[in-house]
C-alpha cells in the first residue's frame, strides 16, 4: 500500500457516515425550552387565528399616504426655521386636517376611529409646533438678525438656483461683522440688566 493513512481516513469517514447518530435502544427526546412559545415546540407553523382576528383599519392607507407625503415635504423643505418651510408645512397640515374632517367618523370601525383620532391629534400638534417655531423665530430675530441671509442662501442652494458669485461673496463676507454686532448688542443688554 502506497498511501495507508489516506485509506484509514476514508474508512473512518465512511464509518461515521454509515453509523447511526445514537445507540440502539436510545430514544431522542426534543429539548423543551421554557422561552419558546408552545407552537415552536410542537410545530413549525404558528397559530394563525390571532393573526386573522386583527381587522385592518379603514384609514390604514390614508395614514400611510399622509406619512409618505409628510416625509417627502420634510426632505424637500429641510432648512430649519425657514419661512418657506413653515408656510408649506402649515398649508399641508391644514389641507390634511380639512380633508380628514370630511370623513364620516361614525361609519368607521374601532381601528378606523383610533387612526382618525391619532391622525387628527398629530395634525393639530404639528400645526402648534409650527406656531411655536414662528414665535421662537420672531424672538430670536433680535439676537440673530443675520439668520435670514443664511436661510436665503441655503434655500437658493436647495432650489439649485444660479448664484451671482460676487453677491454671495459679499453676503458671506459681511456675516462675521453682523455676528459680531449681534454679540455686542447681546452683551450690552446683559450688562444693563446686571
Protein backbone atom coordinates (compact mmCIF):
# COMPACT_ATOMS: atom_id res chain seq x y z
CA UNK A 1 0.00 0.00 0.00
CA UNK A 2 1.36 3.27 -1.05
CA UNK A 3 -0.94 5.59 0.99
CA UNK A 4 -2.12 3.74 4.12
CA UNK A 5 -3.07 6.93 6.00
CA UNK A 6 -5.39 8.05 3.22
CA UNK A 7 -7.20 4.70 3.25
CA UNK A 8 -7.59 4.86 7.00
CA UNK A 9 -9.13 8.37 6.78
CA UNK A 10 -11.52 7.26 4.05
CA UNK A 11 -12.53 4.25 6.12
CA UNK A 12 -13.14 6.45 9.16
CA UNK A 13 -15.29 8.89 7.17
CA UNK A 14 -17.37 6.06 5.72
CA UNK A 15 -17.84 4.56 9.17
CA UNK A 16 -19.05 7.91 10.56
CA UNK A 17 -21.43 8.40 7.67
CA UNK A 18 -22.95 4.94 7.95
CA UNK A 19 -23.15 4.60 11.72
CA UNK A 20 -26.36 5.74 13.48
CA UNK A 21 -26.34 9.06 15.34
CA UNK A 22 -27.48 7.37 18.56
CA UNK A 23 -27.09 3.95 20.09
CA UNK A 24 -29.83 1.33 19.60
CA UNK A 25 -32.40 1.46 22.37
CA UNK A 26 -31.92 5.16 22.94
CA UNK A 27 -34.80 7.44 22.04
CA UNK A 28 -34.29 11.04 21.23
CA UNK A 29 -36.37 13.49 23.23
CA UNK A 30 -36.74 17.01 21.87
CA UNK A 31 -35.43 19.57 24.31
CA UNK A 32 -38.21 21.66 25.79
CA UNK A 33 -37.36 25.30 26.21
CA UNK A 34 -39.28 27.48 28.61
CA UNK A 35 -38.53 30.54 26.46
CA UNK A 36 -40.11 29.26 23.25
CA UNK A 37 -43.83 29.59 22.55
CA UNK A 38 -45.76 26.32 22.60
CA UNK A 39 -46.26 26.23 18.85
CA UNK A 40 -42.48 26.32 18.26
CA UNK A 41 -42.03 23.26 20.45
CA UNK A 42 -44.53 21.17 18.51
CA UNK A 43 -44.90 22.70 15.06
CA UNK A 44 -43.12 24.97 12.63
CA UNK A 45 -46.35 26.83 11.85
CA UNK A 46 -47.77 29.32 14.36
CA UNK A 47 -51.43 29.52 15.29
CA UNK A 48 -52.97 31.69 12.58
CA UNK A 49 -56.14 32.65 14.46
CA UNK A 50 -54.60 35.61 16.31
CA UNK A 51 -53.23 36.94 13.04
CA UNK A 52 -56.59 36.66 11.29
CA UNK A 53 -58.51 38.14 14.21
CA UNK A 54 -56.94 41.59 13.80
CA UNK A 55 -59.15 43.65 11.48
CA UNK A 56 -57.46 46.32 9.40
CA UNK A 57 -58.28 49.97 9.86
CA UNK A 58 -60.26 51.71 7.14
CA UNK A 59 -57.75 54.56 7.39
CA UNK A 60 -54.63 52.42 7.09
CA UNK A 61 -53.90 53.60 3.54
CA UNK A 62 -54.82 57.19 4.41
CA UNK A 63 -52.30 57.22 7.26
CA UNK A 64 -49.64 55.65 5.03
CA UNK A 65 -50.30 58.25 2.33
CA UNK A 66 -50.12 61.08 4.88
CA UNK A 67 -46.83 59.76 6.29
CA UNK A 68 -45.26 59.45 2.85
CA UNK A 69 -46.34 62.98 1.85
CA UNK A 70 -45.17 64.49 5.14
CA UNK A 71 -41.79 62.76 4.95
CA UNK A 72 -41.35 63.93 1.36
CA UNK A 73 -42.10 67.53 2.30
CA UNK A 74 -39.74 67.40 5.25
CA UNK A 75 -36.98 66.15 2.98
CA UNK A 76 -37.69 68.86 0.41
CA UNK A 77 -38.03 71.68 2.94
CA UNK A 78 -35.18 70.81 5.25
CA UNK A 79 -33.93 74.31 6.15
CA UNK A 80 -34.77 74.70 9.82
CA UNK A 81 -36.61 77.94 10.75
CA UNK A 82 -37.22 78.77 7.10
CA UNK A 83 -40.39 80.80 6.45
CA UNK A 84 -40.93 78.87 3.19
CA UNK A 85 -40.73 75.55 5.06
CA UNK A 86 -43.10 76.73 7.75
CA UNK A 87 -45.64 78.08 5.24
CA UNK A 88 -45.57 74.92 3.13
CA UNK A 89 -45.93 72.59 6.11
CA UNK A 90 -48.72 74.71 7.61
CA UNK A 91 -50.61 74.54 4.31
CA UNK A 92 -50.03 70.78 4.18
CA UNK A 93 -51.29 70.15 7.73
CA UNK A 94 -54.31 72.44 7.29
CA UNK A 95 -55.20 70.77 3.99
CA UNK A 96 -54.97 67.30 5.53
CA UNK A 97 -56.99 68.45 8.53
CA UNK A 98 -59.81 69.79 6.34
CA UNK A 99 -59.86 66.59 4.25
CA UNK A 100 -59.88 64.47 7.40
CA UNK A 101 -62.97 66.34 8.64
CA UNK A 102 -64.82 65.18 5.50
CA UNK A 103 -64.61 61.55 6.67
CA UNK A 104 -67.72 60.27 8.46
CA UNK A 105 -66.34 59.29 11.87
CA UNK A 106 -69.47 57.28 12.79
CA UNK A 107 -69.06 54.92 9.81
CA UNK A 108 -65.58 53.88 10.91
CA UNK A 109 -64.79 50.75 12.89
CA UNK A 110 -62.85 50.86 16.14
CA UNK A 111 -59.46 50.71 14.43
CA UNK A 112 -60.50 53.37 11.93
CA UNK A 113 -61.70 55.65 14.73
CA UNK A 114 -58.42 55.19 16.56
CA UNK A 115 -56.47 56.09 13.42
CA UNK A 116 -58.77 59.08 12.83
CA UNK A 117 -58.25 60.45 16.34
CA UNK A 118 -54.50 59.84 16.24
CA UNK A 119 -54.10 61.48 12.83
CA UNK A 120 -56.25 64.43 13.86
CA UNK A 121 -54.20 64.87 17.04
CA UNK A 122 -50.96 64.71 15.09
CA UNK A 123 -52.14 67.34 12.61
CA UNK A 124 -53.12 69.71 15.43
CA UNK A 125 -49.84 69.01 17.24
CA UNK A 126 -47.72 69.69 14.15
CA UNK A 127 -49.58 72.95 13.49
CA UNK A 128 -49.00 74.01 17.09
CA UNK A 129 -45.29 73.18 16.76
CA UNK A 130 -45.07 75.38 13.67
CA UNK A 131 -46.82 78.22 15.53
CA UNK A 132 -44.32 77.86 18.38
CA UNK A 133 -41.47 77.84 15.89
CA UNK A 134 -42.75 81.08 14.35
CA UNK A 135 -42.88 82.75 17.77
CA UNK A 136 -39.40 81.45 18.57
CA UNK A 137 -38.00 82.80 15.29
CA UNK A 138 -39.54 86.20 15.99
CA UNK A 139 -37.96 86.22 19.45
CA UNK A 140 -34.58 85.08 18.11
CA UNK A 141 -34.56 87.69 15.34
CA UNK A 142 -33.25 90.26 17.83
CA UNK A 143 -30.24 88.08 18.60
CA UNK A 144 -29.56 86.66 15.14
CA UNK A 145 -30.65 89.26 12.57
CA UNK A 146 -28.33 87.62 10.02
CA UNK A 147 -30.26 84.32 10.07
CA UNK A 148 -32.47 85.31 7.14
CA UNK A 149 -29.38 85.83 4.95
CA UNK A 150 -28.11 82.34 5.76
CA UNK A 151 -31.56 80.80 5.23
CA UNK A 152 -31.92 82.56 1.86
CA UNK A 153 -28.54 81.24 0.69
CA UNK A 154 -29.36 77.72 1.82
CA UNK A 155 -32.79 77.74 0.18
CA UNK A 156 -31.33 79.04 -3.09
CA UNK A 157 -28.77 76.23 -2.97
CA UNK A 158 -31.55 73.73 -2.30
CA UNK A 159 -33.56 75.01 -5.29
CA UNK A 160 -30.40 74.70 -7.44
CA UNK A 161 -30.64 78.35 -8.43
CA UNK A 162 -27.77 80.01 -10.22
CA UNK A 163 -26.00 82.34 -7.88
CA UNK A 164 -24.21 85.58 -8.54
CA UNK A 165 -20.80 84.85 -7.02
CA UNK A 166 -19.93 88.47 -6.13
CA UNK A 167 -23.27 88.91 -4.34
CA UNK A 168 -22.88 85.65 -2.42
CA UNK A 169 -19.27 86.51 -1.55
CA UNK A 170 -20.34 89.91 -0.25
CA UNK A 171 -23.10 88.33 1.83
CA UNK A 172 -20.72 85.77 3.31
CA UNK A 173 -18.05 88.40 3.97
CA UNK A 174 -20.49 90.60 5.88
CA UNK A 175 -21.71 87.74 8.08
CA UNK A 176 -18.82 87.86 10.59
CA UNK A 177 -19.39 91.59 11.04
CA UNK A 178 -23.14 91.07 11.56
CA UNK A 179 -22.45 88.27 14.04
CA UNK A 180 -20.03 90.47 15.97
CA UNK A 181 -22.57 93.31 16.07
CA UNK A 182 -25.24 90.93 17.37
CA UNK A 183 -22.83 89.58 20.01
CA UNK A 184 -22.00 93.10 21.21
CA UNK A 185 -25.69 94.02 21.34
CA UNK A 186 -26.47 90.95 23.47
CA UNK A 187 -23.54 91.67 25.80
CA UNK A 188 -24.66 95.30 26.18
CA UNK A 189 -28.18 94.15 27.03
CA UNK A 190 -26.85 91.71 29.62
CA UNK A 191 -24.62 94.39 31.19
CA UNK A 192 -27.60 96.75 31.52
CA UNK A 193 -29.60 94.05 33.30
CA UNK A 194 -26.83 93.45 35.85
